[in-house]
């Protein structure tokens, strides 16, 4: 394959822009904010699970407290009715009076026990409420950090995308001036060789594989026509001669 020396030099320009585009893409995919957001999202998920658990516990305690208070109220009402009967004098049988007094005493003990249950449930509920309030604040704090990191990420994206668009446009212009067959070979080699399809020959060394040409290879390059498209014997990339080739 043959191509004017100027076209081959322009191919190096295309290669330089492709490297730049690869670097920009790498920077975009490895922004520190991305790892920061991922870590914060994990923390947020854990905190939200804990918050749901605390809220569930508070809700369960609320139902338990309501049930315990209803039990206390039922016992209190029954004791009040028994006391009313006792005070009314309607019960005259000594045995019935004894049974009624015993029941009133039992209800008083039952009421006391149930009130203790209510207090214990209230304490657990207050603890769950405090825990939920604390976790709500922590969730909000982590979410604020995520929002801040996302803002910084988006700002970096905007800058990198603008630069990528500019480099892409420049690349299109320069690549459009390179002969189609040369550009096709370059694209094929770039895909095969990790993003580098053309390399400069600098001081008898291939900039692609960084290996120095032996004397036989140097002589072959010297003897080649100026428009000959050369390939590195080691890495097979397009080898472009420049004023710094050391020939």
C-alpha atoms as a PDB file:
ATOM      1  CA  UNK A   1       0.000   0.000   0.000  1.00  0.00           C
ATOM      2  CA  UNK A   2       1.165   3.497  -0.820  1.00  0.00           C
ATOM      3  CA  UNK A   3       0.127   6.851   0.651  1.00  0.00           C
ATOM      4  CA  UNK A   4       1.649  10.296   0.490  1.00  0.00           C
ATOM      5  CA  UNK A   5       3.960  11.074   3.439  1.00  0.00           C
ATOM      6  CA  UNK A   6       1.656  13.939   4.431  1.00  0.00           C
ATOM      7  CA  UNK A   7      -1.290  11.540   4.580  1.00  0.00           C
ATOM      8  CA  UNK A   8       0.709   9.205   6.795  1.00  0.00           C
ATOM      9  CA  UNK A   9       1.575  12.098   9.120  1.00  0.00           C
ATOM     10  CA  UNK A  10      -2.121  12.976   9.287  1.00  0.00           C
ATOM     11  CA  UNK A  11      -2.765   9.353  10.280  1.00  0.00           C
ATOM     12  CA  UNK A  12      -0.558   9.962  13.317  1.00  0.00           C
ATOM     13  CA  UNK A  13      -2.746  12.956  14.121  1.00  0.00           C
ATOM     14  CA  UNK A  14      -5.812  10.703  13.924  1.00  0.00           C
ATOM     15  CA  UNK A  15      -4.080   8.221  16.207  1.00  0.00           C
ATOM     16  CA  UNK A  16      -3.304  10.966  18.705  1.00  0.00           C
ATOM     17  CA  UNK A  17      -6.933  12.054  18.750  1.00  0.00           C
ATOM     18  CA  UNK A  18      -8.107   8.460  19.153  1.00  0.00           C
ATOM     19  CA  UNK A  19      -5.814   8.080  22.149  1.00  0.00           C
ATOM     20  CA  UNK A  20      -7.254  11.281  23.548  1.00  0.00           C
ATOM     21  CA  UNK A  21     -10.801   9.984  23.070  1.00  0.00           C
ATOM     22  CA  UNK A  22      -9.873   6.744  24.825  1.00  0.00           C
ATOM     23  CA  UNK A  23      -8.414   8.712  27.726  1.00  0.00           C
ATOM     24  CA  UNK A  24     -11.537  10.848  27.989  1.00  0.00           C
ATOM     25  CA  UNK A  25     -13.771   7.764  27.972  1.00  0.00           C
ATOM     26  CA  UNK A  26     -11.625   6.186  30.679  1.00  0.00           C
ATOM     27  CA  UNK A  27     -11.786   9.320  32.810  1.00  0.00           C
ATOM     28  CA  UNK A  28     -15.557   9.425  32.384  1.00  0.00           C
ATOM     29  CA  UNK A  29     -15.958   5.821  33.516  1.00  0.00           C
ATOM     30  CA  UNK A  30     -13.549   6.121  36.457  1.00  0.00           C
ATOM     31  CA  UNK A  31     -14.546   9.447  37.989  1.00  0.00           C
ATOM     32  CA  UNK A  32     -13.923   9.328  41.766  1.00  0.00           C
ATOM     33  CA  UNK A  33     -17.488  10.520  42.254  1.00  0.00           C
ATOM     34  CA  UNK A  34     -18.762   7.243  40.765  1.00  0.00           C
ATOM     35  CA  UNK A  35     -17.064   5.136  43.436  1.00  0.00           C
ATOM     36  CA  UNK A  36     -18.140   7.651  46.067  1.00  0.00           C
ATOM     37  CA  UNK A  37     -21.773   7.460  44.966  1.00  0.00           C
ATOM     38  CA  UNK A  38     -21.671   3.652  44.840  1.00  0.00           C
ATOM     39  CA  UNK A  39     -20.305   3.482  48.386  1.00  0.00           C
ATOM     40  CA  UNK A  40     -22.819   6.022  49.661  1.00  0.00           C
ATOM     41  CA  UNK A  41     -25.698   4.179  47.992  1.00  0.00           C
ATOM     42  CA  UNK A  42     -24.676   1.009  49.824  1.00  0.00           C
ATOM     43  CA  UNK A  43     -24.669   2.936  53.103  1.00  0.00           C
ATOM     44  CA  UNK A  44     -28.033   4.453  52.222  1.00  0.00           C
ATOM     45  CA  UNK A  45     -29.564   1.059  51.460  1.00  0.00           C
ATOM     46  CA  UNK A  46     -28.404  -0.291  54.821  1.00  0.00           C
ATOM     47  CA  UNK A  47     -29.710   2.743  56.682  1.00  0.00           C
ATOM     48  CA  UNK A  48     -33.064   2.511  54.924  1.00  0.00           C
ATOM     49  CA  UNK A  49     -33.350  -1.161  55.910  1.00  0.00           C
ATOM     50  CA  UNK A  50     -32.614  -0.221  59.515  1.00  0.00           C
ATOM     51  CA  UNK A  51     -35.126   2.623  59.306  1.00  0.00           C
ATOM     52  CA  UNK A  52     -37.847   0.319  57.991  1.00  0.00           C
ATOM     53  CA  UNK A  53     -37.086  -2.098  60.826  1.00  0.00           C
ATOM     54  CA  UNK A  54     -37.322   0.700  63.414  1.00  0.00           C
ATOM     55  CA  UNK A  55     -40.553   2.023  61.916  1.00  0.00           C
ATOM     56  CA  UNK A  56     -41.995  -1.490  61.846  1.00  0.00           C
ATOM     57  CA  UNK A  57     -41.042  -1.983  65.491  1.00  0.00           C
ATOM     58  CA  UNK A  58     -42.653   1.347  66.414  1.00  0.00           C
ATOM     59  CA  UNK A  59     -45.822   0.381  64.536  1.00  0.00           C
ATOM     60  CA  UNK A  60     -45.930  -3.012  66.242  1.00  0.00           C
ATOM     61  CA  UNK A  61     -45.437  -1.375  69.625  1.00  0.00           C
ATOM     62  CA  UNK A  62     -48.226   1.104  68.867  1.00  0.00           C
ATOM     63  CA  UNK A  63     -50.644  -1.750  68.205  1.00  0.00           C
ATOM     64  CA  UNK A  64     -49.422  -3.610  71.269  1.00  0.00           C
ATOM     65  CA  UNK A  65     -49.842  -0.477  73.391  1.00  0.00           C
ATOM     66  CA  UNK A  66     -53.367   0.079  72.109  1.00  0.00           C
ATOM     67  CA  UNK A  67     -54.283  -3.515  72.928  1.00  0.00           C
ATOM     68  CA  UNK A  68     -52.734  -3.278  76.421  1.00  0.00           C
ATOM     69  CA  UNK A  69     -54.526   0.000  77.131  1.00  0.00           C
ATOM     70  CA  UNK A  70     -57.816  -1.543  76.036  1.00  0.00           C
ATOM     71  CA  UNK A  71     -57.181  -4.473  78.393  1.00  0.00           C
ATOM     72  CA  UNK A  72     -56.515  -2.037  81.253  1.00  0.00           C
ATOM     73  CA  UNK A  73     -59.693  -0.127  80.441  1.00  0.00           C
ATOM     74  CA  UNK A  74     -61.769  -3.298  80.405  1.00  0.00           C
ATOM     75  CA  UNK A  75     -60.404  -4.381  83.795  1.00  0.00           C
ATOM     76  CA  UNK A  76     -60.920  -0.888  85.207  1.00  0.00           C
ATOM     77  CA  UNK A  77     -64.532  -0.813  84.025  1.00  0.00           C
ATOM     78  CA  UNK A  78     -65.239  -4.229  85.466  1.00  0.00           C
ATOM     79  CA  UNK A  79     -63.658  -3.249  88.795  1.00  0.00           C
ATOM     80  CA  UNK A  80     -65.733  -0.051  88.839  1.00  0.00           C
ATOM     81  CA  UNK A  81     -68.919  -2.030  88.302  1.00  0.00           C
ATOM     82  CA  UNK A  82     -67.998  -4.443  91.094  1.00  0.00           C
ATOM     83  CA  UNK A  83     -67.152  -1.573  93.429  1.00  0.00           C
ATOM     84  CA  UNK A  84     -70.468   0.058  92.588  1.00  0.00           C
ATOM     85  CA  UNK A  85     -72.289  -3.151  93.488  1.00  0.00           C
ATOM     86  CA  UNK A  86     -70.358  -3.391  96.708  1.00  0.00           C
ATOM     87  CA  UNK A  87     -71.065   0.215  97.645  1.00  0.00           C
ATOM     88  CA  UNK A  88     -74.759  -0.031  96.740  1.00  0.00           C
ATOM     89  CA  UNK A  89     -75.493  -2.566  99.462  1.00  0.00           C
ATOM     90  CA  UNK A  90     -77.315  -4.762  96.977  1.00  0.00           C
ATOM     91  CA  UNK A  91     -75.143  -7.721  97.910  1.00  0.00           C
ATOM     92  CA  UNK A  92     -76.038  -8.883 101.383  1.00  0.00           C
ATOM     93  CA  UNK A  93     -74.829 -12.490 101.485  1.00  0.00           C
ATOM     94  CA  UNK A  94     -71.537 -12.689 103.403  1.00  0.00           C
ATOM     95  CA  UNK A  95     -70.192 -15.278 100.960  1.00  0.00           C
ATOM     96  CA  UNK A  96     -71.163 -13.134  97.952  1.00  0.00           C
ATOM     97  CA  UNK A  97     -69.627 -10.099  99.623  1.00  0.00           C
ATOM     98  CA  UNK A  98     -66.417 -12.020 100.231  1.00  0.00           C
ATOM     99  CA  UNK A  99     -66.337 -13.227  96.634  1.00  0.00           C
ATOM    100  CA  UNK A 100     -66.970  -9.701  95.361  1.00  0.00           C
ATOM    101  CA  UNK A 101     -64.241  -8.213  97.505  1.00  0.00           C
ATOM    102  CA  UNK A 102     -61.843 -10.946  96.381  1.00  0.00           C
ATOM    103  CA  UNK A 103     -62.686 -10.238  92.735  1.00  0.00           C
ATOM    104  CA  UNK A 104     -62.138  -6.490  93.240  1.00  0.00           C
ATOM    105  CA  UNK A 105     -58.730  -7.229  94.768  1.00  0.00           C
ATOM    106  CA  UNK A 106     -57.862  -9.596  91.908  1.00  0.00           C
ATOM    107  CA  UNK A 107     -58.932  -6.998  89.340  1.00  0.00           C
ATOM    108  CA  UNK A 108     -56.778  -4.395  91.065  1.00  0.00           C
ATOM    109  CA  UNK A 109     -53.776  -6.735  90.802  1.00  0.00           C
ATOM    110  CA  UNK A 110     -54.631  -7.506  87.185  1.00  0.00           C
ATOM    111  CA  UNK A 111     -54.951  -3.787  86.400  1.00  0.00           C
ATOM    112  CA  UNK A 112     -51.582  -3.086  88.012  1.00  0.00           C
ATOM    113  CA  UNK A 113     -49.932  -5.856  85.986  1.00  0.00           C
ATOM    114  CA  UNK A 114     -51.509  -4.604  82.764  1.00  0.00           C
ATOM    115  CA  UNK A 115     -50.445  -1.025  83.488  1.00  0.00           C
ATOM    116  CA  UNK A 116     -46.887  -2.305  83.919  1.00  0.00           C
ATOM    117  CA  UNK A 117     -47.211  -3.924  80.496  1.00  0.00           C
ATOM    118  CA  UNK A 118     -48.422  -0.628  79.042  1.00  0.00           C
ATOM    119  CA  UNK A 119     -45.422   1.201  80.526  1.00  0.00           C
ATOM    120  CA  UNK A 120     -42.994  -1.419  79.202  1.00  0.00           C
ATOM    121  CA  UNK A 121     -44.521  -1.235  75.720  1.00  0.00           C
ATOM    122  CA  UNK A 122     -44.455   2.575  75.817  1.00  0.00           C
ATOM    123  CA  UNK A 123     -40.743   2.496  76.665  1.00  0.00           C
ATOM    124  CA  UNK A 124     -40.054   0.165  73.756  1.00  0.00           C
ATOM    125  CA  UNK A 125     -42.137   2.335  71.467  1.00  0.00           C
ATOM    126  CA  UNK A 126     -40.319   5.506  72.545  1.00  0.00           C
ATOM    127  CA  UNK A 127     -36.990   3.765  71.958  1.00  0.00           C
ATOM    128  CA  UNK A 128     -38.112   2.686  68.476  1.00  0.00           C
ATOM    129  CA  UNK A 129     -39.340   6.225  67.740  1.00  0.00           C
ATOM    130  CA  UNK A 130     -35.997   7.694  68.820  1.00  0.00           C
ATOM    131  CA  UNK A 131     -34.146   5.152  66.705  1.00  0.00           C
ATOM    132  CA  UNK A 132     -36.349   5.901  63.704  1.00  0.00           C
ATOM    133  CA  UNK A 133     -35.809   9.646  64.155  1.00  0.00           C
ATOM    134  CA  UNK A 134     -32.041   9.157  64.342  1.00  0.00           C
ATOM    135  CA  UNK A 135     -32.027   6.937  61.263  1.00  0.00           C
ATOM    136  CA  UNK A 136     -34.217   9.409  59.371  1.00  0.00           C
ATOM    137  CA  UNK A 137     -31.608  12.107  60.006  1.00  0.00           C
ATOM    138  CA  UNK A 138     -28.790   9.805  58.941  1.00  0.00           C
ATOM    139  CA  UNK A 139     -30.646   8.830  55.757  1.00  0.00           C
ATOM    140  CA  UNK A 140     -31.145  12.518  54.933  1.00  0.00           C
ATOM    141  CA  UNK A 141     -27.459  13.251  55.590  1.00  0.00           C
ATOM    142  CA  UNK A 142     -26.256  10.423  53.339  1.00  0.00           C
ATOM    143  CA  UNK A 143     -28.761  11.407  50.643  1.00  0.00           C
ATOM    144  CA  UNK A 144     -27.390  14.954  50.777  1.00  0.00           C
ATOM    145  CA  UNK A 145     -23.873  13.588  50.250  1.00  0.00           C
ATOM    146  CA  UNK A 146     -25.108  11.525  47.294  1.00  0.00           C
ATOM    147  CA  UNK A 147     -26.796  14.580  45.783  1.00  0.00           C
ATOM    148  CA  UNK A 148     -23.589  16.587  46.197  1.00  0.00           C
ATOM    149  CA  UNK A 149     -21.458  13.863  44.612  1.00  0.00           C
ATOM    150  CA  UNK A 150     -23.991  13.477  41.790  1.00  0.00           C
ATOM    151  CA  UNK A 151     -23.770  17.208  41.134  1.00  0.00           C
ATOM    152  CA  UNK A 152     -19.989  17.024  40.924  1.00  0.00           C
ATOM    153  CA  UNK A 153     -20.239  13.949  38.698  1.00  0.00           C
ATOM    154  CA  UNK A 154     -22.671  15.667  36.335  1.00  0.00           C
ATOM    155  CA  UNK A 155     -20.433  18.742  36.137  1.00  0.00           C
ATOM    156  CA  UNK A 156     -17.467  16.521  35.269  1.00  0.00           C
ATOM    157  CA  UNK A 157     -19.595  14.661  32.713  1.00  0.00           C
ATOM    158  CA  UNK A 158     -20.540  17.956  31.079  1.00  0.00           C
ATOM    159  CA  UNK A 159     -16.921  19.041  30.809  1.00  0.00           C
ATOM    160  CA  UNK A 160     -15.680  15.678  29.527  1.00  0.00           C
ATOM    161  CA  UNK A 161     -18.556  15.323  27.057  1.00  0.00           C
ATOM    162  CA  UNK A 162     -17.883  18.787  25.671  1.00  0.00           C
ATOM    163  CA  UNK A 163     -14.205  17.960  25.229  1.00  0.00           C
ATOM    164  CA  UNK A 164     -15.074  14.599  23.683  1.00  0.00           C
ATOM    165  CA  UNK A 165     -17.405  16.263  21.202  1.00  0.00           C
ATOM    166  CA  UNK A 166     -14.682  18.755  20.246  1.00  0.00           C
ATOM    167  CA  UNK A 167     -12.034  16.059  19.797  1.00  0.00           C
ATOM    168  CA  UNK A 168     -14.469  13.861  17.860  1.00  0.00           C
ATOM    169  CA  UNK A 169     -15.227  16.692  15.458  1.00  0.00           C
ATOM    170  CA  UNK A 170     -11.526  17.391  14.950  1.00  0.00           C
ATOM    171  CA  UNK A 171     -10.927  13.705  14.378  1.00  0.00           C
ATOM    172  CA  UNK A 172     -13.666  13.528  11.758  1.00  0.00           C
ATOM    173  CA  UNK A 173     -12.127  16.437   9.862  1.00  0.00           C
ATOM    174  CA  UNK A 174      -8.593  15.012   9.865  1.00  0.00           C
ATOM    175  CA  UNK A 175      -9.690  11.419   9.208  1.00  0.00           C
ATOM    176  CA  UNK A 176     -11.712  12.696   6.250  1.00  0.00           C
ATOM    177  CA  UNK A 177      -8.497  13.819   4.587  1.00  0.00           C
ATOM    178  CA  UNK A 178      -6.761  10.443   4.979  1.00  0.00           C
ATOM    179  CA  UNK A 179      -7.080   8.017   2.019  1.00  0.00           C
ATOM    180  CA  UNK A 180      -9.869   5.521   2.629  1.00  0.00           C
ATOM    181  CA  UNK A 181      -7.732   2.393   2.175  1.00  0.00           C
ATOM    182  CA  UNK A 182      -5.088   3.681   4.599  1.00  0.00           C
ATOM    183  CA  UNK A 183      -7.722   4.648   7.150  1.00  0.00           C
ATOM    184  CA  UNK A 184      -9.409   1.239   6.813  1.00  0.00           C
ATOM    185  CA  UNK A 185      -6.108  -0.553   7.489  1.00  0.00           C
ATOM    186  CA  UNK A 186      -5.471   1.738  10.451  1.00  0.00           C
ATOM    187  CA  UNK A 187      -8.897   1.064  11.958  1.00  0.00           C
ATOM    188  CA  UNK A 188      -8.420  -2.696  11.577  1.00  0.00           C
ATOM    189  CA  UNK A 189      -5.016  -2.606  13.240  1.00  0.00           C
ATOM    190  CA  UNK A 190      -6.222  -0.270  15.978  1.00  0.00           C
ATOM    191  CA  UNK A 191      -8.926  -2.759  16.906  1.00  0.00           C
ATOM    192  CA  UNK A 192      -6.409  -5.607  16.944  1.00  0.00           C
ATOM    193  CA  UNK A 193      -3.638  -3.743  18.748  1.00  0.00           C
ATOM    194  CA  UNK A 194      -5.367  -2.306  21.781  1.00  0.00           C
ATOM    195  CA  UNK A 195      -6.316   1.046  20.332  1.00  0.00           C
ATOM    196  CA  UNK A 196      -3.034   1.861  18.567  1.00  0.00           C
ATOM    197  CA  UNK A 197      -2.964   1.186  14.828  1.00  0.00           C
ATOM    198  CA  UNK A 198      -0.253   3.596  13.744  1.00  0.00           C
ATOM    199  CA  UNK A 199       2.995   4.504  15.443  1.00  0.00           C
ATOM    200  CA  UNK A 200       5.775   6.952  14.797  1.00  0.00           C
ATOM    201  CA  UNK A 201       9.287   5.741  14.041  1.00  0.00           C
ATOM    202  CA  UNK A 202      11.336   7.759  16.504  1.00  0.00           C
ATOM    203  CA  UNK A 203      15.099   7.413  16.720  1.00  0.00           C
ATOM    204  CA  UNK A 204      14.906   3.994  15.078  1.00  0.00           C
ATOM    205  CA  UNK A 205      12.374   2.841  17.674  1.00  0.00           C
ATOM    206  CA  UNK A 206       8.707   1.981  17.061  1.00  0.00           C
ATOM    207  CA  UNK A 207       6.543   4.125  19.322  1.00  0.00           C
ATOM    208  CA  UNK A 208       3.928   1.372  19.278  1.00  0.00           C
ATOM    209  CA  UNK A 209       5.859  -1.566  20.763  1.00  0.00           C
ATOM    210  CA  UNK A 210       8.836   0.518  21.980  1.00  0.00           C
ATOM    211  CA  UNK A 211      11.289  -1.869  20.329  1.00  0.00           C
ATOM    212  CA  UNK A 212      14.296  -0.617  18.391  1.00  0.00           C
ATOM    213  CA  UNK A 213      14.683  -1.681  14.782  1.00  0.00           C
ATOM    214  CA  UNK A 214      17.699  -3.836  13.995  1.00  0.00           C
ATOM    215  CA  UNK A 215      20.176  -2.769  11.304  1.00  0.00           C
ATOM    216  CA  UNK A 216      18.484  -4.898   8.635  1.00  0.00           C
ATOM    217  CA  UNK A 217      15.094  -3.320   9.371  1.00  0.00           C
ATOM    218  CA  UNK A 218      16.631   0.157   9.377  1.00  0.00           C
ATOM    219  CA  UNK A 219      18.174  -0.442   5.984  1.00  0.00           C
ATOM    220  CA  UNK A 220      14.834  -1.689   4.624  1.00  0.00           C
ATOM    221  CA  UNK A 221      13.120   1.448   5.882  1.00  0.00           C
ATOM    222  CA  UNK A 222      15.810   3.625   4.333  1.00  0.00           C
ATOM    223  CA  UNK A 223      15.393   1.859   0.990  1.00  0.00           C
ATOM    224  CA  UNK A 224      11.592   2.122   1.001  1.00  0.00           C
ATOM    225  CA  UNK A 225       9.905   4.710  -1.211  1.00  0.00           C
ATOM    226  CA  UNK A 226       8.703   7.829   0.650  1.00  0.00           C
ATOM    227  CA  UNK A 227       5.064   6.949  -0.085  1.00  0.00           C
ATOM    228  CA  UNK A 228       5.372   3.293   0.957  1.00  0.00           C
ATOM    229  CA  UNK A 229       3.186   2.390   3.919  1.00  0.00           C
ATOM    230  CA  UNK A 230       5.511   0.503   6.254  1.00  0.00           C
ATOM    231  CA  UNK A 231       4.651  -1.945   9.024  1.00  0.00           C
ATOM    232  CA  UNK A 232       6.609  -2.610  12.194  1.00  0.00           C
ATOM    233  CA  UNK A 233       8.146  -6.078  12.014  1.00  0.00           C
ATOM    234  CA  UNK A 234       7.479  -6.619  15.710  1.00  0.00           C
ATOM    235  CA  UNK A 235       3.952  -5.309  16.394  1.00  0.00           C
ATOM    236  CA  UNK A 236       2.708  -5.023  12.777  1.00  0.00           C
ATOM    237  CA  UNK A 237       1.376  -1.526  13.329  1.00  0.00           C
ATOM    238  CA  UNK A 238       1.657   1.068  10.570  1.00  0.00           C
ATOM    239  CA  UNK A 239       5.088   2.634  11.010  1.00  0.00           C
ATOM    240  CA  UNK A 240       5.184   6.305  10.036  1.00  0.00           C
ATOM    241  CA  UNK A 241       8.481   7.981   9.213  1.00  0.00           C
ATOM    242  CA  UNK A 242       9.130  11.523  10.428  1.00  0.00           C
ATOM    243  CA  UNK A 243      12.081  13.907  10.605  1.00  0.00           C
ATOM    244  CA  UNK A 244      12.914  12.355  14.005  1.00  0.00           C
ATOM    245  CA  UNK A 245      13.102   8.769  12.723  1.00  0.00           C
ATOM    246  CA  UNK A 246      16.890   8.699  13.029  1.00  0.00           C
ATOM    247  CA  UNK A 247      17.445   7.404   9.557  1.00  0.00           C
END
